[in-house]
């Protein structure tokens, strides 16, 4: 039972981490794109 709970927690934390990483990456790409648009056009 304890092992299962640990696996579920690990799974949840991993997914949360990946989601935050992807959102941050997309936000960063959006910022770079906006900067390029402002400075190159």
PDB file of N, CA and C in Angstrom:
ATOM      1  N   UNK A   1       0.824  -1.203   0.000  1.00  0.00           N
ATOM      2  CA  UNK A   1       0.000   0.000   0.000  1.00  0.00           C
ATOM      3  C   UNK A   1       0.866   1.264   0.000  1.00  0.00           C
ATOM      4  N   UNK A   2       1.877   1.274   0.825  1.00  0.00           N
ATOM      5  CA  UNK A   2       2.762   2.428   0.931  1.00  0.00           C
ATOM      6  C   UNK A   2       3.535   2.656  -0.375  1.00  0.00           C
ATOM      7  N   UNK A   3       3.942   1.542  -1.001  1.00  0.00           N
ATOM      8  CA  UNK A   3       4.685   1.615  -2.262  1.00  0.00           C
ATOM      9  C   UNK A   3       3.812   2.216  -3.363  1.00  0.00           C
ATOM     10  N   UNK A   4       2.547   1.810  -3.395  1.00  0.00           N
ATOM     11  CA  UNK A   4       1.605   2.326  -4.386  1.00  0.00           C
ATOM     12  C   UNK A   4       1.420   3.832  -4.225  1.00  0.00           C
ATOM     13  N   UNK A   5       1.249   4.271  -2.984  1.00  0.00           N
ATOM     14  CA  UNK A   5       1.079   5.690  -2.686  1.00  0.00           C
ATOM     15  C   UNK A   5       2.321   6.469  -3.146  1.00  0.00           C
ATOM     16  N   UNK A   6       3.484   5.890  -2.905  1.00  0.00           N
ATOM     17  CA  UNK A   6       4.752   6.508  -3.312  1.00  0.00           C
ATOM     18  C   UNK A   6       4.815   6.634  -4.835  1.00  0.00           C
ATOM     19  N   UNK A   7       4.411   5.599  -5.542  1.00  0.00           N
ATOM     20  CA  UNK A   7       4.426   5.613  -7.006  1.00  0.00           C
ATOM     21  C   UNK A   7       3.460   6.659  -7.558  1.00  0.00           C
ATOM     22  N   UNK A   8       2.282   6.751  -6.941  1.00  0.00           N
ATOM     23  CA  UNK A   8       1.291   7.742  -7.356  1.00  0.00           C
ATOM     24  C   UNK A   8       1.823   9.156  -7.138  1.00  0.00           C
ATOM     25  N   UNK A   9       2.440   9.390  -6.013  1.00  0.00           N
ATOM     26  CA  UNK A   9       3.035  10.696  -5.713  1.00  0.00           C
ATOM     27  C   UNK A   9       4.127  11.043  -6.716  1.00  0.00           C
ATOM     28  N   UNK A  10       4.987  10.076  -7.002  1.00  0.00           N
ATOM     29  CA  UNK A  10       6.082  10.261  -7.942  1.00  0.00           C
ATOM     30  C   UNK A  10       5.530  10.599  -9.325  1.00  0.00           C
ATOM     31  N   UNK A  11       4.510   9.846  -9.744  1.00  0.00           N
ATOM     32  CA  UNK A  11       3.853  10.051 -11.035  1.00  0.00           C
ATOM     33  C   UNK A  11       3.269  11.458 -11.118  1.00  0.00           C
ATOM     34  N   UNK A  12       2.569  11.867 -10.060  1.00  0.00           N
ATOM     35  CA  UNK A  12       1.931  13.183 -10.005  1.00  0.00           C
ATOM     36  C   UNK A  12       2.967  14.303 -10.063  1.00  0.00           C
ATOM     37  N   UNK A  13       4.021  14.177  -9.273  1.00  0.00           N
ATOM     38  CA  UNK A  13       5.088  15.185  -9.231  1.00  0.00           C
ATOM     39  C   UNK A  13       5.784  15.289 -10.585  1.00  0.00           C
ATOM     40  N   UNK A  14       6.027  14.133 -11.199  1.00  0.00           N
ATOM     41  CA  UNK A  14       6.681  14.093 -12.508  1.00  0.00           C
ATOM     42  C   UNK A  14       5.830  14.818 -13.548  1.00  0.00           C
ATOM     43  N   UNK A  15       4.540  14.505 -13.574  1.00  0.00           N
ATOM     44  CA  UNK A  15       3.630  15.147 -14.526  1.00  0.00           C
ATOM     45  C   UNK A  15       3.504  16.637 -14.282  1.00  0.00           C
ATOM     46  N   UNK A  16       3.436  17.025 -13.011  1.00  0.00           N
ATOM     47  CA  UNK A  16       3.353  18.431 -12.657  1.00  0.00           C
ATOM     48  C   UNK A  16       4.619  19.167 -13.126  1.00  0.00           C
ATOM     49  N   UNK A  17       5.756  18.553 -12.871  1.00  0.00           N
ATOM     50  CA  UNK A  17       7.039  19.117 -13.283  1.00  0.00           C
ATOM     51  C   UNK A  17       7.134  19.288 -14.789  1.00  0.00           C
ATOM     52  N   UNK A  18       6.705  18.261 -15.528  1.00  0.00           N
ATOM     53  CA  UNK A  18       6.735  18.306 -16.992  1.00  0.00           C
ATOM     54  C   UNK A  18       5.800  19.395 -17.515  1.00  0.00           C
ATOM     55  N   UNK A  19       4.613  19.480 -16.913  1.00  0.00           N
ATOM     56  CA  UNK A  19       3.628  20.492 -17.325  1.00  0.00           C
ATOM     57  C   UNK A  19       4.176  21.902 -17.104  1.00  0.00           C
ATOM     58  N   UNK A  20       4.751  22.141 -15.937  1.00  0.00           N
ATOM     59  CA  UNK A  20       5.331  23.449 -15.619  1.00  0.00           C
ATOM     60  C   UNK A  20       6.482  23.773 -16.568  1.00  0.00           C
ATOM     61  N   UNK A  21       7.328  22.746 -16.842  1.00  0.00           N
ATOM     62  CA  UNK A  21       8.463  22.909 -17.756  1.00  0.00           C
ATOM     63  C   UNK A  21       7.975  23.308 -19.150  1.00  0.00           C
ATOM     64  N   UNK A  22       6.958  22.600 -19.671  1.00  0.00           N
ATOM     65  CA  UNK A  22       6.418  22.881 -21.003  1.00  0.00           C
ATOM     66  C   UNK A  22       5.795  24.281 -21.056  1.00  0.00           C
ATOM     67  N   UNK A  23       5.028  24.633 -20.018  1.00  0.00           N
ATOM     68  CA  UNK A  23       4.401  25.959 -19.975  1.00  0.00           C
ATOM     69  C   UNK A  23       5.454  27.066 -19.955  1.00  0.00           C
ATOM     70  N   UNK A  24       6.502  26.864 -19.165  1.00  0.00           N
ATOM     71  CA  UNK A  24       7.595  27.837 -19.078  1.00  0.00           C
ATOM     72  C   UNK A  24       8.308  27.966 -20.418  1.00  0.00           C
ATOM     73  N   UNK A  25       8.534  26.809 -21.055  1.00  0.00           N
ATOM     74  CA  UNK A  25       9.192  26.773 -22.356  1.00  0.00           C
ATOM     75  C   UNK A  25       8.361  27.526 -23.396  1.00  0.00           C
ATOM     76  N   UNK A  26       7.053  27.273 -23.414  1.00  0.00           N
ATOM     77  CA  UNK A  26       6.157  27.945 -24.359  1.00  0.00           C
ATOM     78  C   UNK A  26       6.115  29.448 -24.100  1.00  0.00           C
ATOM     79  N   UNK A  27       6.092  29.823 -22.824  1.00  0.00           N
ATOM     80  CA  UNK A  27       6.081  31.241 -22.460  1.00  0.00           C
ATOM     81  C   UNK A  27       7.380  31.904 -22.928  1.00  0.00           C
ATOM     82  N   UNK A  28       8.485  31.184 -22.735  1.00  0.00           N
ATOM     83  CA  UNK A  28       9.785  31.675 -23.170  1.00  0.00           C
ATOM     84  C   UNK A  28       9.843  31.840 -24.679  1.00  0.00           C
ATOM     85  N   UNK A  29       9.322  30.859 -25.401  1.00  0.00           N
ATOM     86  CA  UNK A  29       9.300  30.933 -26.862  1.00  0.00           C
ATOM     87  C   UNK A  29       8.429  32.093 -27.334  1.00  0.00           C
ATOM     88  N   UNK A  30       7.306  32.294 -26.635  1.00  0.00           N
ATOM     89  CA  UNK A  30       6.422  33.406 -26.957  1.00  0.00           C
ATOM     90  C   UNK A  30       7.126  34.745 -26.766  1.00  0.00           C
ATOM     91  N   UNK A  31       7.886  34.856 -25.686  1.00  0.00           N
ATOM     92  CA  UNK A  31       8.634  36.086 -25.398  1.00  0.00           C
ATOM     93  C   UNK A  31       9.688  36.336 -26.461  1.00  0.00           C
ATOM     94  N   UNK A  32      10.397  35.284 -26.859  1.00  0.00           N
ATOM     95  CA  UNK A  32      11.431  35.391 -27.897  1.00  0.00           C
ATOM     96  C   UNK A  32      10.795  35.804 -29.221  1.00  0.00           C
ATOM     97  N   UNK A  33       9.671  35.166 -29.559  1.00  0.00           N
ATOM     98  CA  UNK A  33       8.965  35.500 -30.801  1.00  0.00           C
ATOM     99  C   UNK A  33       8.510  36.963 -30.799  1.00  0.00           C
ATOM    100  N   UNK A  34       7.948  37.411 -29.661  1.00  0.00           N
ATOM    101  CA  UNK A  34       7.495  38.797 -29.538  1.00  0.00           C
ATOM    102  C   UNK A  34       8.671  39.769 -29.682  1.00  0.00           C
ATOM    103  N   UNK A  35       9.807  39.422 -29.080  1.00  0.00           N
ATOM    104  CA  UNK A  35      11.014  40.262 -29.156  1.00  0.00           C
ATOM    105  C   UNK A  35      11.506  40.352 -30.591  1.00  0.00           C
ATOM    106  N   UNK A  36      11.544  39.201 -31.279  1.00  0.00           N
ATOM    107  CA  UNK A  36      11.987  39.175 -32.674  1.00  0.00           C
ATOM    108  C   UNK A  36      11.069  40.000 -33.566  1.00  0.00           C
ATOM    109  N   UNK A  37       9.759  39.871 -33.345  1.00  0.00           N
ATOM    110  CA  UNK A  37       8.775  40.620 -34.130  1.00  0.00           C
ATOM    111  C   UNK A  37       8.960  42.128 -33.905  1.00  0.00           C
ATOM    112  N   UNK A  38       9.175  42.518 -32.647  1.00  0.00           N
ATOM    113  CA  UNK A  38       9.365  43.936 -32.325  1.00  0.00           C
ATOM    114  C   UNK A  38      10.646  44.498 -32.950  1.00  0.00           C
ATOM    115  N   UNK A  39      11.730  43.706 -32.942  1.00  0.00           N
ATOM    116  CA  UNK A  39      13.016  44.224 -33.382  1.00  0.00           C
ATOM    117  C   UNK A  39      13.323  44.001 -34.859  1.00  0.00           C
ATOM    118  N   UNK A  40      12.632  43.090 -35.508  1.00  0.00           N
ATOM    119  CA  UNK A  40      12.971  42.773 -36.895  1.00  0.00           C
ATOM    120  C   UNK A  40      11.943  43.277 -37.896  1.00  0.00           C
ATOM    121  N   UNK A  41      10.776  43.714 -37.392  1.00  0.00           N
ATOM    122  CA  UNK A  41       9.742  44.200 -38.308  1.00  0.00           C
ATOM    123  C   UNK A  41       9.308  45.611 -37.959  1.00  0.00           C
TER     124      UNK A  41
END
